[in-house]
Amino acid sequence: MAGTQAAGRKRLLVLGAGAGQLGLLEAARERGLFVVAVDRNPAAPGFRFADRRAIISVEDEPQIDRLAAAERVDGVIAPGIDWPVAIAARIAERHVLPHPIDPATAVLATSKLRQRERFAETGVPHPRHVVCASLEEAAVAAADFGYPCVVKAPDRQGQKGLVLVRDESLLADGFSLALRESRSNVVLVEELIAGQEVTVNAFSVDGRFTPLTITDRWVAEPPAFGVALSHMWPSSLAPGQVGAAVDAARAAAAAVGVQMGPSYTQVVVGKRGAYVVELAARLGGGHDAELCEAVLGVDLNGLAIATALGEPVEDEQLRPVERHAAGCVWFLVSQPGEVVAVHGVEEATAAEGVEWVRLYIEPGAVVGPLRRGSDRVGAALVVAPSRKEVEARADSVDALVVFETTDVEAVV
């Protein structure tokens, strides 16, 4: 049943109102859509762009299904977050709504285990892995791959249940952490591929894969393993290596079955070639779409909204027009503690090349040590005439924006 329109406005259900959904929610509001946003956090920063707020977990499928029926939405989308991608696809199918991917594709895109099985079947290069249900099995796999290796929950994102195990003495703790986070009571033990991490942000129309921004992922040191501190464009890789990353991402999208809509593929490029770490059939959660629009003029948020509403995407909308030679998303972090005040945001926003500065928290929030992407406290979008200059401008934002904190006992 297709949703009705209120006062001529199409109604879009957005799963998530956190930092990863800010760009799309803002784009939906600017387009004049009636936005229904779902998030369990009443203070989610994206709620300010919503016409209707639903304090529901983005993983609570029955409640979201009832909400979709009650609101008579015209489309549903899950940007910047993995698990709800499958929920959105199933809800769209049940309510006969347009959607870029079907439920079967969504399941492949949200399960690291099933995705790797498909990669193996279709020859997509990816790290070797073993599914382990016990510490004994994990020890055998880790010994085979060698240390350091990666232990992860196969059905989580945002560094939940993700551990870099440097040596045998740390395996038991890493396995236990990953197993606690796993929904399926198994973990993946995976070889660590050395090389430069990049993200291939792309959009597909009728099976035609169009790569857009290929960005270097600057990541934090363990224990914040895998947490991006910056997405930097253009990549520092040689043209041939960038091409190899794109080819790997294209093969991954085809293997999973992404025929329409955005995809976000993490690839490691090293001496052995390009290896796909994982693919998500959604917009990236690190303001990747906003960076793409800033540097290439391609409105990824708008395109994702269009496919969620069943609207056509024309070739012209995917044609890059370079606006800036370099750009980055630069994430902000804070010392642990209770945030008393944030200084320098206006000065940083007014600095040359700074498109915006977004804070994810307000004074009074308690910040823990940097372990996951959700521990980042803000971000800035910076553009410049060169990679060197964009790095310098991003560093200046870091120096200007200061989070004043006080000690809080037992901050976790």
Protein backbone atom coordinates (compact mmCIF):
# COMPACT_ATOMS: atom_id res chain seq x y z
CA MET A 1 0.00 0.00 0.00
CA ALA A 2 1.58 3.22 -1.09
CA GLY A 3 1.58 6.03 1.42
CA THR A 4 -0.54 9.10 1.01
CA GLN A 5 0.85 12.61 0.85
CA ALA A 6 0.05 15.29 3.42
CA ALA A 7 -0.33 18.73 1.88
CA GLY A 8 1.53 17.53 -1.21
CA ARG A 9 4.60 16.40 0.75
CA LYS A 10 5.98 12.91 0.31
CA ARG A 11 6.60 11.11 3.58
CA LEU A 12 10.00 9.50 4.23
CA LEU A 13 10.75 7.18 7.13
CA VAL A 14 14.41 7.46 8.19
CA LEU A 15 15.87 4.77 10.44
CA GLY A 16 18.33 6.58 12.69
CA ALA A 17 18.73 10.20 13.77
CA GLY A 18 22.31 10.11 14.97
CA ALA A 19 25.52 11.55 13.57
CA GLY A 20 25.52 9.11 10.64
CA GLN A 21 22.11 10.29 9.45
CA LEU A 22 22.54 14.06 9.82
CA GLY A 23 23.33 14.78 6.18
CA LEU A 24 20.46 12.80 4.74
CA LEU A 25 17.95 14.17 7.26
CA GLU A 26 19.03 17.72 6.45
CA ALA A 27 18.76 16.99 2.71
CA ALA A 28 15.27 15.54 3.17
CA ARG A 29 14.16 18.61 5.11
CA GLU A 30 15.61 20.95 2.45
CA ARG A 31 13.73 19.04 -0.22
CA GLY A 32 10.46 19.66 1.63
CA LEU A 33 9.69 16.04 2.54
CA PHE A 34 7.66 15.11 5.60
CA VAL A 35 10.34 13.34 7.61
CA VAL A 36 9.57 10.66 10.20
CA ALA A 37 12.78 9.82 12.08
CA VAL A 38 13.34 6.83 14.35
CA ASP A 39 15.98 6.64 17.09
CA ARG A 40 16.01 5.30 20.65
CA ASN A 41 18.00 8.33 21.83
CA PRO A 42 15.66 11.26 22.61
CA ALA A 43 18.64 13.61 22.26
CA ALA A 44 19.69 12.32 18.82
CA PRO A 45 21.07 15.32 16.90
CA GLY A 46 19.19 14.50 13.70
CA PHE A 47 15.78 14.87 15.31
CA ARG A 48 15.95 18.61 14.70
CA PHE A 49 15.35 17.93 11.01
CA ALA A 50 12.36 15.64 11.58
CA ASP A 51 8.67 16.54 11.34
CA ARG A 52 7.85 13.58 13.54
CA ARG A 53 10.11 11.86 16.07
CA ALA A 54 9.68 8.25 17.13
CA ILE A 55 11.68 7.14 20.18
CA ILE A 56 12.14 3.58 18.97
CA SER A 57 15.24 1.47 18.52
CA VAL A 58 16.24 1.23 14.86
CA GLU A 59 16.45 -2.55 15.43
CA ASP A 60 12.85 -2.90 16.67
CA GLU A 61 11.32 -4.14 13.43
CA PRO A 62 7.76 -4.79 14.68
CA GLN A 63 7.39 -1.27 16.07
CA ILE A 64 8.95 0.31 12.98
CA ASP A 65 6.60 -1.73 10.80
CA ARG A 66 3.59 -0.43 12.73
CA LEU A 67 4.94 3.11 12.50
CA ALA A 68 5.34 2.82 8.72
CA ALA A 69 1.71 1.75 8.42
CA ALA A 70 0.41 4.43 10.78
CA GLU A 71 2.36 7.21 9.05
CA ARG A 72 1.50 5.91 5.57
CA VAL A 73 5.01 6.64 4.36
CA ASP A 74 6.06 6.78 0.73
CA GLY A 75 9.54 5.37 1.35
CA VAL A 76 11.91 4.08 4.00
CA ILE A 77 15.69 4.41 4.21
CA ALA A 78 18.49 3.40 6.61
CA PRO A 79 21.51 5.61 5.90
CA GLY A 80 24.83 5.34 7.71
CA ILE A 81 24.00 2.22 9.73
CA ASP A 82 24.13 -1.46 8.81
CA TRP A 83 21.57 -3.66 10.59
CA PRO A 84 18.49 -1.51 9.80
CA VAL A 85 19.29 -1.75 6.07
CA ALA A 86 17.68 -5.20 6.08
CA ILE A 87 14.78 -3.96 8.21
CA ALA A 88 14.11 -1.13 5.75
CA ALA A 89 14.13 -3.56 2.81
CA ARG A 90 11.68 -5.94 4.49
CA ILE A 91 9.33 -3.14 5.54
CA ALA A 92 9.37 -1.71 2.02
CA GLU A 93 8.47 -5.12 0.60
CA ARG A 94 5.64 -5.70 3.08
CA HIS A 95 4.12 -2.27 2.44
CA VAL A 96 4.70 -2.41 -1.34
CA LEU A 97 6.99 0.61 -1.23
CA PRO A 98 9.78 1.36 -3.71
CA HIS A 99 13.24 0.41 -2.48
CA PRO A 100 16.68 0.19 -4.12
CA ILE A 101 17.49 -3.31 -2.81
CA ASP A 102 15.42 -6.39 -2.03
CA PRO A 103 15.49 -8.21 1.33
CA ALA A 104 17.80 -10.98 0.08
CA THR A 105 20.41 -8.46 -1.04
CA ALA A 106 19.99 -6.56 2.22
CA VAL A 107 20.74 -9.69 4.24
CA LEU A 108 23.96 -10.25 2.29
CA ALA A 109 24.91 -6.63 2.82
CA THR A 110 24.38 -6.73 6.60
CA SER A 111 25.94 -10.10 7.48
CA LYS A 112 29.74 -10.19 7.30
CA LEU A 113 29.60 -13.97 7.30
CA ARG A 114 27.13 -14.38 4.41
CA GLN A 115 28.85 -11.60 2.51
CA ARG A 116 32.19 -13.38 2.73
CA GLU A 117 30.61 -16.64 1.64
CA ARG A 118 29.31 -14.88 -1.47
CA PHE A 119 32.71 -13.25 -2.07
CA ALA A 120 34.33 -16.68 -1.94
CA GLU A 121 31.78 -18.08 -4.41
CA THR A 122 32.30 -15.26 -6.89
CA GLY A 123 36.04 -14.71 -6.54
CA VAL A 124 35.98 -11.30 -4.88
CA PRO A 125 39.36 -10.81 -3.14
CA HIS A 126 38.87 -10.59 0.62
CA PRO A 127 40.81 -11.51 3.76
CA ARG A 128 40.88 -15.17 4.70
CA HIS A 129 38.60 -15.96 7.62
CA VAL A 130 37.28 -18.79 9.75
CA VAL A 131 33.95 -18.97 11.59
CA CYS A 132 34.63 -19.97 15.19
CA ALA A 133 32.25 -21.03 17.94
CA SER A 134 34.90 -21.72 20.58
CA LEU A 135 38.18 -20.31 21.78
CA GLU A 136 39.89 -23.52 20.71
CA GLU A 137 38.72 -23.05 17.13
CA ALA A 138 39.79 -19.42 17.23
CA ALA A 139 43.27 -20.39 18.44
CA VAL A 140 43.73 -22.79 15.52
CA ALA A 141 42.59 -20.14 13.02
CA ALA A 142 44.77 -17.41 14.53
CA ALA A 143 47.82 -19.68 14.49
CA ASP A 144 47.18 -20.41 10.82
CA PHE A 145 46.81 -16.73 9.86
CA GLY A 146 49.54 -15.50 12.19
CA TYR A 147 49.51 -12.59 14.59
CA PRO A 148 48.34 -9.88 14.58
CA CYS A 149 44.91 -11.01 13.39
CA VAL A 150 41.38 -9.65 13.59
CA VAL A 151 38.54 -11.08 15.67
CA LYS A 152 35.06 -9.71 15.04
CA ALA A 153 31.36 -10.24 15.55
CA PRO A 154 29.94 -11.10 12.11
CA ASP A 155 26.78 -9.03 12.49
CA ARG A 156 27.82 -5.76 14.12
CA GLN A 157 29.18 -2.43 12.92
CA GLY A 158 30.87 0.64 14.36
CA GLN A 159 33.68 -1.38 15.95
CA LYS A 160 31.28 -3.33 18.16
CA GLY A 161 32.88 -6.69 18.76
CA LEU A 162 35.93 -5.79 16.65
CA VAL A 163 39.36 -6.53 18.12
CA LEU A 164 42.92 -6.46 16.82
CA VAL A 165 44.66 -9.38 18.54
CA ARG A 166 48.37 -8.67 18.55
CA ASP A 167 49.56 -11.95 20.06
CA GLU A 168 48.36 -15.24 21.46
CA SER A 169 48.14 -13.95 25.03
CA LEU A 170 45.36 -11.50 23.99
CA LEU A 171 43.24 -13.96 22.02
CA ALA A 172 41.02 -15.15 24.87
CA ASP A 173 39.97 -11.63 25.84
CA GLY A 174 39.42 -10.65 22.21
CA PHE A 175 37.37 -13.74 21.48
CA SER A 176 35.24 -13.19 24.59
CA LEU A 177 34.52 -9.56 23.67
CA ALA A 178 33.54 -10.42 20.09
CA LEU A 179 31.34 -13.31 21.21
CA ARG A 180 29.48 -11.11 23.70
CA GLU A 181 28.59 -8.69 20.90
CA SER A 182 27.71 -11.34 18.33
CA ARG A 183 24.04 -11.91 17.60
CA SER A 184 24.78 -15.36 16.18
CA ASN A 185 27.00 -16.90 18.93
CA VAL A 186 29.95 -17.23 16.56
CA VAL A 187 32.85 -14.95 15.69
CA LEU A 188 35.05 -14.43 12.66
CA VAL A 189 38.79 -14.80 12.97
CA GLU A 190 40.36 -13.03 10.02
CA GLU A 191 43.82 -12.41 8.65
CA LEU A 192 45.08 -8.84 8.87
CA ILE A 193 45.90 -7.43 5.44
CA ALA A 194 48.62 -4.80 5.50
CA GLY A 195 48.11 -1.73 3.34
CA GLN A 196 46.25 1.55 2.89
CA GLU A 197 42.59 1.50 3.87
CA VAL A 198 40.31 3.30 1.42
CA THR A 199 36.57 3.75 1.08
CA VAL A 200 34.91 3.52 -2.32
CA ASN A 201 31.68 5.53 -2.28
CA ALA A 202 29.60 4.64 -5.30
CA PHE A 203 26.09 4.69 -6.73
CA SER A 204 24.47 2.05 -8.92
CA VAL A 205 21.64 2.47 -11.40
CA ASP A 206 20.22 -0.63 -13.09
CA GLY A 207 23.40 -2.54 -12.26
CA ARG A 208 25.75 0.16 -13.57
CA PHE A 209 28.27 0.89 -10.82
CA THR A 210 29.53 4.49 -10.74
CA PRO A 211 32.47 5.16 -8.39
CA LEU A 212 32.54 8.65 -6.92
CA THR A 213 34.88 9.48 -4.04
CA ILE A 214 37.69 7.08 -3.19
CA THR A 215 38.99 8.32 0.17
CA ASP A 216 41.90 7.36 2.40
CA ARG A 217 40.74 6.21 5.83
CA TRP A 218 43.01 7.60 8.54
CA VAL A 219 42.33 5.41 11.54
CA ALA A 220 43.09 5.62 15.25
CA GLU A 221 45.57 3.42 17.04
CA PRO A 222 44.30 0.45 19.09
CA PRO A 223 42.33 0.02 21.27
CA ALA A 224 40.30 2.20 18.87
CA PHE A 225 40.97 -0.31 16.09
CA GLY A 226 39.16 0.59 12.87
CA VAL A 227 37.86 3.97 14.08
CA ALA A 228 38.25 6.54 11.30
CA LEU A 229 39.72 9.90 12.30
CA SER A 230 39.47 11.26 8.76
CA HIS A 231 38.21 10.47 5.27
CA MET A 232 40.66 12.21 2.92
CA TRP A 233 40.06 12.86 -0.79
CA PRO A 234 41.67 12.30 -3.20
CA SER A 235 43.38 9.10 -2.16
CA SER A 236 47.16 9.12 -1.88
CA LEU A 237 47.33 5.82 -3.79
CA ALA A 238 48.75 5.63 -7.30
CA PRO A 239 46.14 5.70 -10.11
CA GLY A 240 46.55 1.98 -10.76
CA GLN A 241 45.96 1.18 -7.10
CA VAL A 242 42.87 3.38 -7.02
CA GLY A 243 41.63 1.51 -10.08
CA ALA A 244 42.23 -1.82 -8.33
CA ALA A 245 40.22 -0.63 -5.32
CA VAL A 246 37.35 0.44 -7.57
CA ASP A 247 37.43 -2.89 -9.44
CA ALA A 248 37.29 -4.79 -6.15
CA ALA A 249 34.37 -2.65 -4.92
CA ARG A 250 32.51 -3.12 -8.21
CA ALA A 251 32.96 -6.89 -7.98
CA ALA A 252 31.75 -6.85 -4.38
CA ALA A 253 28.60 -4.92 -5.29
CA ALA A 254 27.84 -7.35 -8.10
CA ALA A 255 28.43 -10.34 -5.83
CA VAL A 256 26.06 -9.05 -3.16
CA GLY A 257 23.48 -8.02 -5.75
CA VAL A 258 23.47 -4.24 -5.40
CA GLN A 259 21.78 -3.07 -8.58
CA MET A 260 20.40 0.25 -7.38
CA GLY A 261 21.37 2.85 -4.83
CA PRO A 262 24.45 3.77 -2.81
CA SER A 263 27.23 1.47 -1.69
CA TYR A 264 30.07 2.01 0.73
CA THR A 265 32.97 -0.41 0.38
CA GLN A 266 36.06 -0.60 2.58
CA VAL A 267 39.09 -1.87 0.70
CA VAL A 268 42.69 -2.46 1.79
CA VAL A 269 45.29 -1.94 -0.94
CA GLY A 270 48.77 -3.30 -0.34
CA LYS A 271 51.54 -5.33 -1.91
CA ARG A 272 49.19 -8.26 -2.46
CA GLY A 273 46.61 -6.14 -4.29
CA ALA A 274 43.16 -4.85 -3.32
CA TYR A 275 41.09 -6.76 -0.77
CA VAL A 276 37.48 -6.02 0.15
CA VAL A 277 37.02 -5.81 3.91
CA GLU A 278 33.27 -5.26 3.71
CA LEU A 279 30.52 -3.67 1.63
CA ALA A 280 27.45 -1.82 2.88
CA ALA A 281 24.45 -1.15 0.65
CA ARG A 282 23.89 2.32 2.07
CA LEU A 283 25.44 5.74 2.43
CA GLY A 284 28.57 5.92 4.57
CA GLY A 285 28.03 7.00 8.16
CA GLY A 286 30.97 9.41 8.24
CA HIS A 287 29.47 12.29 6.20
CA ASP A 288 30.79 10.64 3.03
CA ALA A 289 27.83 11.92 1.00
CA GLU A 290 28.42 15.51 2.08
CA LEU A 291 32.10 15.25 1.17
CA CYS A 292 31.14 13.88 -2.25
CA GLU A 293 28.81 16.80 -2.91
CA ALA A 294 31.39 19.33 -1.69
CA VAL A 295 34.23 18.14 -3.91
CA LEU A 296 32.47 16.56 -6.91
CA GLY A 297 29.06 18.23 -6.93
CA VAL A 298 27.22 14.89 -6.85
CA ASP A 299 24.34 14.97 -4.37
CA LEU A 300 24.58 11.46 -2.93
CA ASN A 301 22.06 12.18 -0.18
CA GLY A 302 19.55 13.38 -2.76
CA LEU A 303 20.16 10.35 -4.98
CA ALA A 304 19.66 7.97 -2.04
CA ILE A 305 16.40 9.71 -1.17
CA ALA A 306 15.27 9.45 -4.80
CA THR A 307 15.77 5.68 -4.95
CA ALA A 308 14.02 5.26 -1.59
CA LEU A 309 11.00 7.03 -3.07
CA GLY A 310 11.13 5.21 -6.42
CA GLU A 311 12.15 8.27 -8.42
CA PRO A 312 14.41 8.01 -11.48
CA VAL A 313 18.09 8.90 -11.38
CA GLU A 314 19.47 10.48 -14.53
CA ASP A 315 23.04 10.07 -15.80
CA GLU A 316 23.63 13.80 -15.42
CA GLN A 317 23.07 13.55 -11.67
CA LEU A 318 26.00 11.13 -11.39
CA ARG A 319 28.42 13.15 -13.49
CA PRO A 320 31.20 14.60 -11.30
CA VAL A 321 32.18 18.24 -11.70
CA GLU A 322 35.21 18.93 -9.55
CA ARG A 323 34.50 21.83 -7.22
CA HIS A 324 37.61 21.48 -5.10
CA ALA A 325 40.86 19.62 -5.69
CA ALA A 326 40.90 18.17 -2.17
CA GLY A 327 38.62 17.70 0.80
CA CYS A 328 38.17 15.72 3.95
CA VAL A 329 35.87 14.84 6.79
CA TRP A 330 37.85 15.42 9.96
CA PHE A 331 36.44 13.85 13.12
CA LEU A 332 36.69 15.55 16.49
CA VAL A 333 37.56 13.71 19.69
CA SER A 334 37.61 14.76 23.31
CA GLN A 335 39.43 13.83 26.47
CA PRO A 336 37.28 11.52 28.61
CA GLY A 337 35.09 13.20 31.20
CA GLU A 338 31.99 15.36 31.47
CA VAL A 339 31.92 18.07 28.81
CA VAL A 340 31.61 21.43 30.54
CA ALA A 341 31.96 23.64 27.46
CA VAL A 342 33.04 23.59 23.82
CA HIS A 343 35.21 26.46 22.60
CA GLY A 344 36.23 27.65 19.16
CA VAL A 345 33.41 26.30 16.99
CA GLU A 346 32.52 29.70 15.52
CA GLU A 347 36.16 30.50 14.81
CA ALA A 348 36.71 27.12 13.16
CA THR A 349 33.54 27.44 11.06
CA ALA A 350 34.67 30.84 9.82
CA ALA A 351 38.13 29.58 8.83
CA GLU A 352 39.07 29.35 5.17
CA GLY A 353 37.94 26.13 3.52
CA VAL A 354 35.74 24.96 6.40
CA GLU A 355 32.29 24.11 5.04
CA TRP A 356 30.85 23.28 8.44
CA VAL A 357 31.60 22.00 11.92
CA ARG A 358 29.07 19.65 13.52
CA LEU A 359 28.98 18.68 17.18
CA TYR A 360 27.41 15.38 18.15
CA ILE A 361 27.16 16.25 21.86
CA GLU A 362 26.28 19.16 24.12
CA PRO A 363 27.72 20.34 27.45
CA GLY A 364 26.74 17.89 30.15
CA ALA A 365 27.49 14.83 28.03
CA VAL A 366 29.89 12.27 29.46
CA VAL A 367 32.59 11.17 27.04
CA GLY A 368 34.45 7.90 27.39
CA PRO A 369 37.81 6.91 25.92
CA LEU A 370 37.96 6.54 22.14
CA ARG A 371 37.09 2.93 21.37
CA ARG A 372 34.35 3.10 18.72
CA GLY A 373 33.09 5.45 16.07
CA SER A 374 30.29 6.48 18.42
CA ASP A 375 32.91 7.91 20.80
CA ARG A 376 33.75 10.68 18.32
CA VAL A 377 32.20 13.97 19.42
CA GLY A 378 31.95 15.91 16.16
CA ALA A 379 33.26 16.44 12.66
CA ALA A 380 34.31 19.13 10.22
CA LEU A 381 34.05 19.19 6.42
CA VAL A 382 37.10 20.91 4.96
CA VAL A 383 38.03 21.71 1.32
CA ALA A 384 41.21 23.12 -0.25
CA PRO A 385 43.19 23.43 -3.49
CA SER A 386 45.50 20.50 -2.56
CA ARG A 387 45.87 17.51 -0.25
CA LYS A 388 48.63 19.26 1.67
CA GLU A 389 46.51 22.35 2.22
CA VAL A 390 43.41 20.42 3.25
CA GLU A 391 45.46 18.56 5.85
CA ALA A 392 46.77 21.86 7.21
CA ARG A 393 43.28 23.35 7.38
CA ALA A 394 41.95 20.26 9.14
CA ASP A 395 44.76 20.47 11.69
CA SER A 396 43.78 24.08 12.38
CA VAL A 397 40.19 23.03 13.08
CA ASP A 398 41.53 20.48 15.55
CA ALA A 399 43.50 23.21 17.30
CA LEU A 400 40.58 25.66 17.41
CA VAL A 401 37.81 23.39 18.66
CA VAL A 402 38.47 22.54 22.31
CA PHE A 403 36.26 20.35 24.49
CA GLU A 404 36.56 21.39 28.11
CA THR A 405 35.97 18.42 30.38
CA THR A 406 36.03 17.59 34.07
CA ASP A 407 37.00 14.24 35.52
CA VAL A 408 34.18 11.79 36.04
CA GLU A 409 34.87 8.76 38.16
CA ALA A 410 34.65 5.46 36.30
CA VAL A 411 33.93 6.89 32.85
CA VAL A 412 33.40 3.87 30.59
